[in-house]
C-alpha atoms as a PDB file:
ATOM      1  CA  MET A   1      63.514  16.600  28.005  1.00  0.00           C
ATOM      2  CA  LYS A   2      61.110  19.374  28.921  1.00  0.00           C
ATOM      3  CA  LYS A   3      57.637  19.921  27.525  1.00  0.00           C
ATOM      4  CA  TYR A   4      57.049  23.338  26.002  1.00  0.00           C
ATOM      5  CA  PHE A   5      53.931  25.440  25.489  1.00  0.00           C
ATOM      6  CA  THR A   6      51.751  24.305  22.647  1.00  0.00           C
ATOM      7  CA  ILE A   7      48.245  25.133  21.473  1.00  0.00           C
ATOM      8  CA  ASN A   8      47.534  21.391  21.535  1.00  0.00           C
ATOM      9  CA  ASP A   9      47.738  19.386  24.725  1.00  0.00           C
ATOM     10  CA  THR A  10      49.799  16.226  24.339  1.00  0.00           C
ATOM     11  CA  GLN A  11      50.616  13.680  27.025  1.00  0.00           C
ATOM     12  CA  ILE A  12      54.284  12.789  26.630  1.00  0.00           C
ATOM     13  CA  ILE A  13      56.310  10.055  28.298  1.00  0.00           C
ATOM     14  CA  PHE A  14      60.077  10.186  27.792  1.00  0.00           C
ATOM     15  CA  LYS A  15      62.244   7.096  28.073  1.00  0.00           C
ATOM     16  CA  LYS A  16      65.851   6.479  27.080  1.00  0.00           C
ATOM     17  CA  GLU A  17      64.865   4.486  23.989  1.00  0.00           C
ATOM     18  CA  PHE A  18      61.511   6.021  23.048  1.00  0.00           C
ATOM     19  CA  VAL A  19      59.019   8.845  23.383  1.00  0.00           C
ATOM     20  CA  LYS A  20      55.317   8.016  23.744  1.00  0.00           C
ATOM     21  CA  LYS A  21      52.893  10.747  22.732  1.00  0.00           C
ATOM     22  CA  THR A  22      49.146  10.687  23.247  1.00  0.00           C
ATOM     23  CA  TYR A  23      47.475  13.479  21.309  1.00  0.00           C
ATOM     24  CA  ILE A  24      44.469  15.157  22.909  1.00  0.00           C
ATOM     25  CA  LEU A  25      41.448  16.268  20.882  1.00  0.00           C
ATOM     26  CA  LYS A  26      39.907  19.394  22.399  1.00  0.00           C
ATOM     27  CA  THR A  27      37.044  20.014  19.981  1.00  0.00           C
ATOM     28  CA  ILE A  28      37.065  17.183  17.460  1.00  0.00           C
ATOM     29  CA  PRO A  29      34.744  14.490  18.927  1.00  0.00           C
ATOM     30  CA  LYS A  30      35.914  11.042  19.989  1.00  0.00           C
ATOM     31  CA  LYS A  31      34.009   9.437  17.119  1.00  0.00           C
ATOM     32  CA  GLU A  32      36.670  10.903  14.800  1.00  0.00           C
ATOM     33  CA  ILE A  33      39.664   9.391  16.633  1.00  0.00           C
ATOM     34  CA  GLU A  34      40.262   6.670  14.043  1.00  0.00           C
ATOM     35  CA  LYS A  35      40.129   9.186  11.200  1.00  0.00           C
ATOM     36  CA  VAL A  36      42.535  11.574  12.968  1.00  0.00           C
ATOM     37  CA  SER A  37      44.882   8.683  13.768  1.00  0.00           C
ATOM     38  CA  LYS A  38      45.043   7.720  10.089  1.00  0.00           C
ATOM     39  CA  LEU A  39      45.670  11.337   9.086  1.00  0.00           C
ATOM     40  CA  ILE A  40      48.568  11.587  11.560  1.00  0.00           C
ATOM     41  CA  TYR A  41      50.057   8.349  10.251  1.00  0.00           C
ATOM     42  CA  SER A  42      49.664   9.433   6.616  1.00  0.00           C
ATOM     43  CA  TYR A  43      51.291  12.775   7.412  1.00  0.00           C
ATOM     44  CA  TYR A  44      54.207  10.992   9.094  1.00  0.00           C
ATOM     45  CA  LEU A  45      54.695   8.814   6.009  1.00  0.00           C
ATOM     46  CA  GLU A  46      54.541  11.839   3.680  1.00  0.00           C
ATOM     47  CA  LEU A  47      57.202  13.696   5.674  1.00  0.00           C
ATOM     48  CA  ASN A  48      59.421  10.621   5.679  1.00  0.00           C
ATOM     49  CA  LYS A  49      58.978  10.097   1.959  1.00  0.00           C
ATOM     50  CA  ALA A  50      59.853  13.757   1.363  1.00  0.00           C
ATOM     51  CA  GLY A  51      63.224  13.284   3.031  1.00  0.00           C
ATOM     52  CA  VAL A  52      62.423  14.964   6.340  1.00  0.00           C
ATOM     53  CA  THR A  53      64.691  13.473   9.015  1.00  0.00           C
ATOM     54  CA  MET A  54      62.324  12.004  11.577  1.00  0.00           C
ATOM     55  CA  PRO A  55      62.368   9.521  14.455  1.00  0.00           C
ATOM     56  CA  LYS A  56      61.348   5.975  13.655  1.00  0.00           C
ATOM     57  CA  LEU A  57      57.703   5.241  14.425  1.00  0.00           C
ATOM     58  CA  ILE A  58      57.695   2.182  16.687  1.00  0.00           C
ATOM     59  CA  SER A  59      53.953   1.714  17.117  1.00  0.00           C
ATOM     60  CA  SER A  60      50.613   3.516  17.050  1.00  0.00           C
ATOM     61  CA  LYS A  61      47.192   2.827  18.498  1.00  0.00           C
ATOM     62  CA  GLY A  62      44.428   5.369  18.362  1.00  0.00           C
ATOM     63  CA  LEU A  63      45.997   8.699  19.247  1.00  0.00           C
ATOM     64  CA  THR A  64      48.985   7.162  21.052  1.00  0.00           C
ATOM     65  CA  PHE A  65      52.151   7.104  18.960  1.00  0.00           C
ATOM     66  CA  LYS A  66      55.459   5.657  20.143  1.00  0.00           C
ATOM     67  CA  TYR A  67      58.596   7.047  18.489  1.00  0.00           C
ATOM     68  CA  GLU A  68      62.300   6.383  18.701  1.00  0.00           C
ATOM     69  CA  PHE A  69      64.010   8.821  21.098  1.00  0.00           C
ATOM     70  CA  CYS A  70      66.045  11.276  19.039  1.00  0.00           C
ATOM     71  CA  GLY A  71      67.752  13.543  21.508  1.00  0.00           C
ATOM     72  CA  GLU A  72      67.160  16.837  23.286  1.00  0.00           C
ATOM     73  CA  SER A  73      64.951  19.613  21.973  1.00  0.00           C
ATOM     74  CA  LEU A  74      66.919  22.298  20.182  1.00  0.00           C
ATOM     75  CA  ILE A  75      65.042  24.980  22.099  1.00  0.00           C
ATOM     76  CA  GLU A  76      66.915  23.801  25.200  1.00  0.00           C
ATOM     77  CA  ILE A  77      70.292  23.330  23.515  1.00  0.00           C
ATOM     78  CA  LEU A  78      70.170  26.758  21.876  1.00  0.00           C
ATOM     79  CA  LYS A  79      69.820  28.482  25.235  1.00  0.00           C
ATOM     80  CA  GLY A  80      73.556  27.969  25.609  1.00  0.00           C
ATOM     81  CA  LYS A  81      75.459  31.248  25.803  1.00  0.00           C
ATOM     82  CA  GLN A  82      78.774  29.849  24.574  1.00  0.00           C
ATOM     83  CA  LEU A  83      77.641  28.139  21.381  1.00  0.00           C
ATOM     84  CA  SER A  84      80.068  28.393  18.478  1.00  0.00           C
ATOM     85  CA  ARG A  85      78.983  29.941  15.216  1.00  0.00           C
ATOM     86  CA  SER A  86      79.968  26.745  13.379  1.00  0.00           C
ATOM     87  CA  PHE A  87      77.617  24.724  15.613  1.00  0.00           C
ATOM     88  CA  MET A  88      74.716  27.090  14.959  1.00  0.00           C
ATOM     89  CA  GLU A  89      75.423  27.143  11.223  1.00  0.00           C
ATOM     90  CA  ASN A  90      75.403  23.338  11.132  1.00  0.00           C
ATOM     91  CA  VAL A  91      72.041  23.251  12.905  1.00  0.00           C
ATOM     92  CA  VAL A  92      70.583  25.795  10.483  1.00  0.00           C
ATOM     93  CA  ARG A  93      71.945  23.923   7.454  1.00  0.00           C
ATOM     94  CA  GLN A  94      70.217  20.733   8.551  1.00  0.00           C
ATOM     95  CA  ILE A  95      66.956  22.530   9.275  1.00  0.00           C
ATOM     96  CA  GLU A  96      67.202  24.244   5.895  1.00  0.00           C
ATOM     97  CA  ILE A  97      67.395  20.829   4.200  1.00  0.00           C
ATOM     98  CA  ILE A  98      64.215  19.778   6.022  1.00  0.00           C
ATOM     99  CA  LEU A  99      62.397  22.967   5.003  1.00  0.00           C
ATOM    100  CA  LYS A 100      63.671  22.653   1.432  1.00  0.00           C
ATOM    101  CA  ASN A 101      62.372  19.088   1.177  1.00  0.00           C
ATOM    102  CA  CYS A 102      58.985  20.227   2.468  1.00  0.00           C
ATOM    103  CA  LYS A 103      58.773  22.960  -0.137  1.00  0.00           C
ATOM    104  CA  LYS A 104      59.885  20.599  -2.879  1.00  0.00           C
ATOM    105  CA  ASN A 105      57.140  18.137  -1.917  1.00  0.00           C
ATOM    106  CA  ASN A 106      54.489  20.759  -1.104  1.00  0.00           C
ATOM    107  CA  LEU A 107      54.253  19.779   2.565  1.00  0.00           C
ATOM    108  CA  GLY A 108      53.593  22.135   5.433  1.00  0.00           C
ATOM    109  CA  LEU A 109      54.778  21.797   9.014  1.00  0.00           C
ATOM    110  CA  ASP A 110      55.191  23.770  12.226  1.00  0.00           C
ATOM    111  CA  PRO A 111      58.842  24.916  12.105  1.00  0.00           C
ATOM    112  CA  HIS A 112      59.072  26.060  15.723  1.00  0.00           C
ATOM    113  CA  ILE A 113      62.507  25.367  17.175  1.00  0.00           C
ATOM    114  CA  LYS A 114      60.909  23.195  19.911  1.00  0.00           C
ATOM    115  CA  ASN A 115      59.856  20.744  17.196  1.00  0.00           C
ATOM    116  CA  PHE A 116      63.462  19.923  16.288  1.00  0.00           C
ATOM    117  CA  THR A 117      65.794  17.722  18.306  1.00  0.00           C
ATOM    118  CA  LEU A 118      69.496  16.969  18.129  1.00  0.00           C
ATOM    119  CA  SER A 119      71.073  13.542  18.542  1.00  0.00           C
ATOM    120  CA  LYS A 120      74.739  12.829  17.770  1.00  0.00           C
ATOM    121  CA  GLU A 121      74.963  16.105  15.795  1.00  0.00           C
ATOM    122  CA  LYS A 122      71.965  15.124  13.649  1.00  0.00           C
ATOM    123  CA  VAL A 123      68.797  17.253  13.581  1.00  0.00           C
ATOM    124  CA  PHE A 124      65.376  15.561  13.631  1.00  0.00           C
ATOM    125  CA  TYR A 125      61.883  16.959  13.108  1.00  0.00           C
ATOM    126  CA  VAL A 126      59.585  15.391  15.689  1.00  0.00           C
ATOM    127  CA  ASP A 127      56.119  16.969  15.417  1.00  0.00           C
ATOM    128  CA  THR A 128      53.321  15.215  13.518  1.00  0.00           C
ATOM    129  CA  PHE A 129      50.290  16.712  15.256  1.00  0.00           C
ATOM    130  CA  PRO A 130      48.280  18.384  14.015  1.00  0.00           C
ATOM    131  CA  PRO A 131      48.837  16.809  10.611  1.00  0.00           C
ATOM    132  CA  VAL A 132      49.143  19.603   8.072  1.00  0.00           C
ATOM    133  CA  SER A 133      46.755  18.302   5.455  1.00  0.00           C
ATOM    134  CA  ARG A 134      43.613  19.570   3.740  1.00  0.00           C
ATOM    135  CA  LYS A 135      41.543  16.696   5.160  1.00  0.00           C
ATOM    136  CA  TYR A 136      42.574  17.461   8.721  1.00  0.00           C
ATOM    137  CA  ILE A 137      42.035  21.207   8.362  1.00  0.00           C
ATOM    138  CA  ASP A 138      38.563  20.586   6.892  1.00  0.00           C
ATOM    139  CA  LEU A 139      37.752  18.248   9.781  1.00  0.00           C
ATOM    140  CA  LEU A 140      38.988  20.745  12.363  1.00  0.00           C
ATOM    141  CA  THR A 141      37.055  23.663  10.923  1.00  0.00           C
ATOM    142  CA  LYS A 142      33.937  21.505  10.588  1.00  0.00           C
ATOM    143  CA  TYR A 143      33.814  21.338  14.392  1.00  0.00           C
ATOM    144  CA  ASN A 144      34.982  24.929  14.869  1.00  0.00           C
ATOM    145  CA  PRO A 145      32.955  26.914  12.313  1.00  0.00           C
ATOM    146  CA  ASN A 146      33.168  30.058  14.444  1.00  0.00           C
ATOM    147  CA  LEU A 147      36.993  29.917  14.216  1.00  0.00           C
ATOM    148  CA  ASN A 148      37.252  28.876  10.579  1.00  0.00           C
ATOM    149  CA  LYS A 149      38.968  32.091   9.458  1.00  0.00           C
ATOM    150  CA  GLU A 150      41.452  32.142  12.343  1.00  0.00           C
ATOM    151  CA  ILE A 151      42.372  28.460  12.053  1.00  0.00           C
ATOM    152  CA  ARG A 152      42.983  28.701   8.325  1.00  0.00           C
ATOM    153  CA  SER A 153      45.000  31.923   8.621  1.00  0.00           C
ATOM    154  CA  HIS A 154      47.090  30.314  11.368  1.00  0.00           C
ATOM    155  CA  LEU A 155      47.828  27.190   9.356  1.00  0.00           C
ATOM    156  CA  ARG A 156      48.583  29.177   6.204  1.00  0.00           C
ATOM    157  CA  THR A 157      51.736  30.326   7.989  1.00  0.00           C
ATOM    158  CA  TRP A 158      52.793  26.650   8.003  1.00  0.00           C
ATOM    159  CA  LYS A 159      52.647  26.404   4.220  1.00  0.00           C
ATOM    160  CA  PRO A 160      55.882  25.280   2.508  1.00  0.00           C
ATOM    161  CA  GLU A 161      56.602  28.641   0.877  1.00  0.00           C
ATOM    162  CA  LYS A 162      56.444  30.400   4.262  1.00  0.00           C
ATOM    163  CA  LEU A 163      58.506  28.007   6.353  1.00  0.00           C
ATOM    164  CA  ARG A 164      61.746  30.024   6.414  1.00  0.00           C
ATOM    165  CA  TYR A 165      59.971  33.182   7.522  1.00  0.00           C
ATOM    166  CA  HIS A 166      57.934  31.215  10.055  1.00  0.00           C
ATOM    167  CA  PHE A 167      61.080  29.601  11.446  1.00  0.00           C
ATOM    168  CA  LEU A 168      62.685  33.030  11.853  1.00  0.00           C
ATOM    169  CA  ALA A 169      59.509  34.388  13.448  1.00  0.00           C
ATOM    170  CA  ASP A 170      59.491  31.644  16.071  1.00  0.00           C
ATOM    171  CA  VAL A 171      63.207  32.054  16.776  1.00  0.00           C
ATOM    172  CA  LYS A 172      62.803  35.819  17.105  1.00  0.00           C
ATOM    173  CA  LYS A 173      59.969  35.576  19.634  1.00  0.00           C
ATOM    174  CA  THR A 174      61.698  32.865  21.717  1.00  0.00           C
ATOM    175  CA  LYS A 175      63.673  35.244  23.900  1.00  0.00           C
ATOM    176  CA  GLU A 176      65.629  32.661  25.910  1.00  0.00           C
ATOM    177  CA  LEU A 177      67.567  31.418  22.864  1.00  0.00           C
ATOM    178  CA  ASN A 178      71.175  32.424  22.224  1.00  0.00           C
ATOM    179  CA  LYS A 179      70.885  35.976  20.896  1.00  0.00           C
ATOM    180  CA  ASP A 180      73.113  35.182  17.901  1.00  0.00           C
ATOM    181  CA  PHE A 181      71.033  32.311  16.553  1.00  0.00           C
ATOM    182  CA  TYR A 182      68.404  34.461  14.833  1.00  0.00           C
ATOM    183  CA  LYS A 183      71.131  36.379  13.005  1.00  0.00           C
ATOM    184  CA  VAL A 184      72.930  33.191  11.954  1.00  0.00           C
ATOM    185  CA  ALA A 185      69.679  31.621  10.668  1.00  0.00           C
ATOM    186  CA  LYS A 186      68.647  34.735   8.741  1.00  0.00           C
ATOM    187  CA  GLU A 187      72.087  35.140   7.162  1.00  0.00           C
ATOM    188  CA  ASN A 188      72.110  31.475   6.144  1.00  0.00           C
ATOM    189  CA  PHE A 189      68.710  31.665   4.436  1.00  0.00           C
ATOM    190  CA  ILE A 190      69.700  34.838   2.583  1.00  0.00           C
ATOM    191  CA  LYS A 191      73.101  33.503   1.575  1.00  0.00           C
ATOM    192  CA  ASN A 192      71.569  30.299   0.188  1.00  0.00           C
ATOM    193  CA  ARG A 193      68.885  32.360  -1.562  1.00  0.00           C
ATOM    194  CA  SER A 194      66.082  30.405   0.071  1.00  0.00           C
ATOM    195  CA  ILE A 195      64.910  33.857   1.144  1.00  0.00           C
ATOM    196  CA  ARG A 196      65.299  36.597  -1.434  1.00  0.00           C
ATOM    197  CA  ASN A 197      64.773  40.270  -0.670  1.00  0.00           C
ATOM    198  CA  PHE A 198      64.366  39.646   3.047  1.00  0.00           C
ATOM    199  CA  LYS A 199      61.530  41.616   4.637  1.00  0.00           C
ATOM    200  CA  LEU A 200      61.275  41.907   8.395  1.00  0.00           C
ATOM    201  CA  GLN A 201      57.596  42.742   7.962  1.00  0.00           C
ATOM    202  CA  LYS A 202      56.889  39.138   6.926  1.00  0.00           C
ATOM    203  CA  VAL A 203      58.501  37.855  10.117  1.00  0.00           C
ATOM    204  CA  ASN A 204      56.489  40.256  12.251  1.00  0.00           C
ATOM    205  CA  GLU A 205      53.231  39.424  10.452  1.00  0.00           C
ATOM    206  CA  ILE A 206      53.589  35.744  11.342  1.00  0.00           C
ATOM    207  CA  ILE A 207      54.336  36.614  14.969  1.00  0.00           C
ATOM    208  CA  ALA A 208      51.251  38.858  15.057  1.00  0.00           C
ATOM    209  CA  ILE A 209      48.975  36.167  13.593  1.00  0.00           C
ATOM    210  CA  GLU A 210      50.149  33.541  16.071  1.00  0.00           C
ATOM    211  CA  GLU A 211      49.982  35.790  19.109  1.00  0.00           C
ATOM    212  CA  SER A 212      46.525  37.047  18.160  1.00  0.00           C
ATOM    213  CA  ASN A 213      45.145  33.524  17.744  1.00  0.00           C
ATOM    214  CA  ILE A 214      46.757  32.152  20.892  1.00  0.00           C
ATOM    215  CA  ALA A 215      45.129  34.956  22.872  1.00  0.00           C
ATOM    216  CA  LEU A 216      41.748  34.193  21.332  1.00  0.00           C
ATOM    217  CA  LYS A 217      39.369  32.377  23.673  1.00  0.00           C
ATOM    218  CA  GLY A 218      38.621  28.880  22.445  1.00  0.00           C
ATOM    219  CA  PHE A 219      41.239  28.853  19.698  1.00  0.00           C
ATOM    220  CA  THR A 220      42.457  25.345  19.017  1.00  0.00           C
ATOM    221  CA  LEU A 221      44.176  23.179  16.424  1.00  0.00           C
ATOM    222  CA  SER A 222      42.633  19.997  17.766  1.00  0.00           C
END
């Protein structure tokens, strides 16, 4: 499995049975490691409780978390040029269930396609850092007061009510994906009425916010 661009630097070791991730804090000081570790663990438990399909957590120590291996990243799989519409629709349906459960339980997440994997036709959400919680955001902005506005605007796009639009935004800007996947995802969300009165402007606004922040010197989510 490949490692894809992320605002946060994470050391990842892939094995057949597990994935070991060590999360790197760029601006939050080392004295806060225990607090951040607990926030990550709590966030993992909240997602699980909400019905988000996730890999089993095998162990955790500090900022090193060991998870069950749950297949290849969907960003790689969806590069395929010969994917059937039924396959793409099945992927979107499973992701839609995850996003629906987040909205139902008022939980945010980063719905980028790289954060989903596929194993034996089952979709998993595999990203728990940064934990999308008020306590973590307050901690992050405490050590980045000069970026408070940008960090909060960035993470507002991860809020549960914006997840479908954010998912579409990330799919749209990921050019190497199968060109039909964006259309299939959008049609599915509209058909199921999880998006009503679709507005392309909302997709483009999220892309603009992310691209602006990523280009900003010193911007971080850790």
